Amino acid sequence: MATGKAQGKGPVGFSAAMLPFLQNRDAQAVQRQRVADNFPGSDAYYNYVLTLFGQGWDQHRFRFSTKGELLPDWGQECANSH
């Protein structure tokens, strides 16, 4: 029977996806660290996409307008992986 009480930890992608919604700085720091410590592997597509979304927002790489339009920050350089 469901109690509504949280148990365990969800996938790391969910932690990353929550970053845009967390207003408490301590809660943000905990989730940022969880993502850094448990970054999804190349076989975890869903978690990887959620992490890309969450970290992109958290690093101010994009925002959404009040109309829901994507507003990328083209002024930032991406890290070079080579």
Protein backbone atom coordinates (compact mmCIF):
# COMPACT_ATOMS: atom_id res chain seq x y z
CA MET A 1 0.00 0.00 0.00
CA ALA A 2 1.31 3.45 -0.90
CA THR A 3 1.90 5.74 2.07
CA GLY A 4 3.11 8.85 0.26
CA LYS A 5 6.37 8.65 2.22
CA ALA A 6 9.56 8.78 0.13
CA GLN A 7 11.85 5.77 0.28
CA GLY A 8 15.30 5.28 -1.20
CA LYS A 9 16.81 7.43 -3.92
CA GLY A 10 15.53 8.02 -7.42
CA PRO A 11 17.71 7.93 -10.52
CA VAL A 12 20.43 10.60 -10.66
CA GLY A 13 18.73 12.11 -13.71
CA PHE A 14 15.80 13.10 -11.51
CA SER A 15 18.17 14.91 -9.14
CA ALA A 16 19.58 16.87 -12.07
CA ALA A 17 16.12 17.59 -13.49
CA MET A 18 15.04 19.05 -10.14
CA LEU A 19 17.80 21.70 -10.13
CA PRO A 20 15.71 24.32 -12.00
CA PHE A 21 12.94 24.00 -9.43
CA LEU A 22 14.89 24.00 -6.16
CA GLN A 23 15.04 27.38 -4.47
CA ASN A 24 16.79 26.31 -1.27
CA ARG A 25 20.56 26.64 -1.79
CA ASP A 26 21.35 23.74 0.56
CA ALA A 27 18.99 21.46 -1.36
CA GLN A 28 20.57 22.60 -4.64
CA ALA A 29 24.05 21.87 -3.31
CA VAL A 30 23.04 18.36 -2.22
CA GLN A 31 21.55 17.55 -5.62
CA ARG A 32 24.50 19.09 -7.52
CA GLN A 33 26.87 16.91 -5.51
CA ARG A 34 24.72 13.82 -6.10
CA VAL A 35 24.86 14.45 -9.86
CA ALA A 36 28.63 15.01 -9.76
CA ASP A 37 29.18 11.82 -7.74
CA ASN A 38 26.83 9.65 -9.81
CA PHE A 39 26.98 11.01 -13.36
CA PRO A 40 25.10 8.58 -15.65
CA GLY A 41 27.08 6.20 -17.82
CA SER A 42 26.81 6.06 -21.59
CA ASP A 43 24.27 3.23 -21.29
CA ALA A 44 21.79 5.31 -19.27
CA TYR A 45 20.15 7.42 -22.00
CA TYR A 46 17.15 8.64 -19.98
CA ASN A 47 19.24 9.69 -16.98
CA TYR A 48 21.79 11.30 -19.30
CA VAL A 49 19.12 13.44 -21.01
CA LEU A 50 17.61 14.51 -17.67
CA THR A 51 21.08 15.37 -16.41
CA LEU A 52 21.84 17.39 -19.55
CA PHE A 53 18.62 19.35 -19.01
CA GLY A 54 19.18 19.93 -15.29
CA GLN A 55 22.83 20.88 -15.50
CA GLY A 56 22.26 23.07 -18.56
CA TRP A 57 19.69 25.07 -16.62
CA ASP A 58 21.77 25.13 -13.44
CA GLN A 59 24.82 26.41 -15.36
CA HIS A 60 22.68 29.12 -17.02
CA ARG A 61 23.19 27.70 -20.51
CA PHE A 62 19.50 28.21 -21.31
CA ARG A 63 16.23 29.51 -19.90
CA PHE A 64 12.61 29.44 -20.98
CA SER A 65 10.60 32.54 -21.85
CA THR A 66 7.21 33.17 -20.25
CA LYS A 67 5.77 31.70 -23.47
CA GLY A 68 7.76 28.47 -23.02
CA GLU A 69 10.31 29.26 -25.74
CA LEU A 70 13.86 28.00 -25.34
CA LEU A 71 16.34 30.85 -24.79
CA PRO A 72 19.90 29.49 -25.18
CA ASP A 73 22.82 31.51 -23.86
CA TRP A 74 24.98 31.57 -26.97
CA GLY A 75 27.58 33.70 -25.17
CA GLN A 76 28.97 30.80 -23.15
CA GLU A 77 31.54 28.43 -24.57
CA CYS A 78 31.03 24.72 -24.05
CA ALA A 79 33.79 22.63 -22.55
CA ASN A 80 35.97 20.92 -25.14
CA SER A 81 35.99 17.15 -24.71
CA HIS A 82 39.18 16.65 -26.72
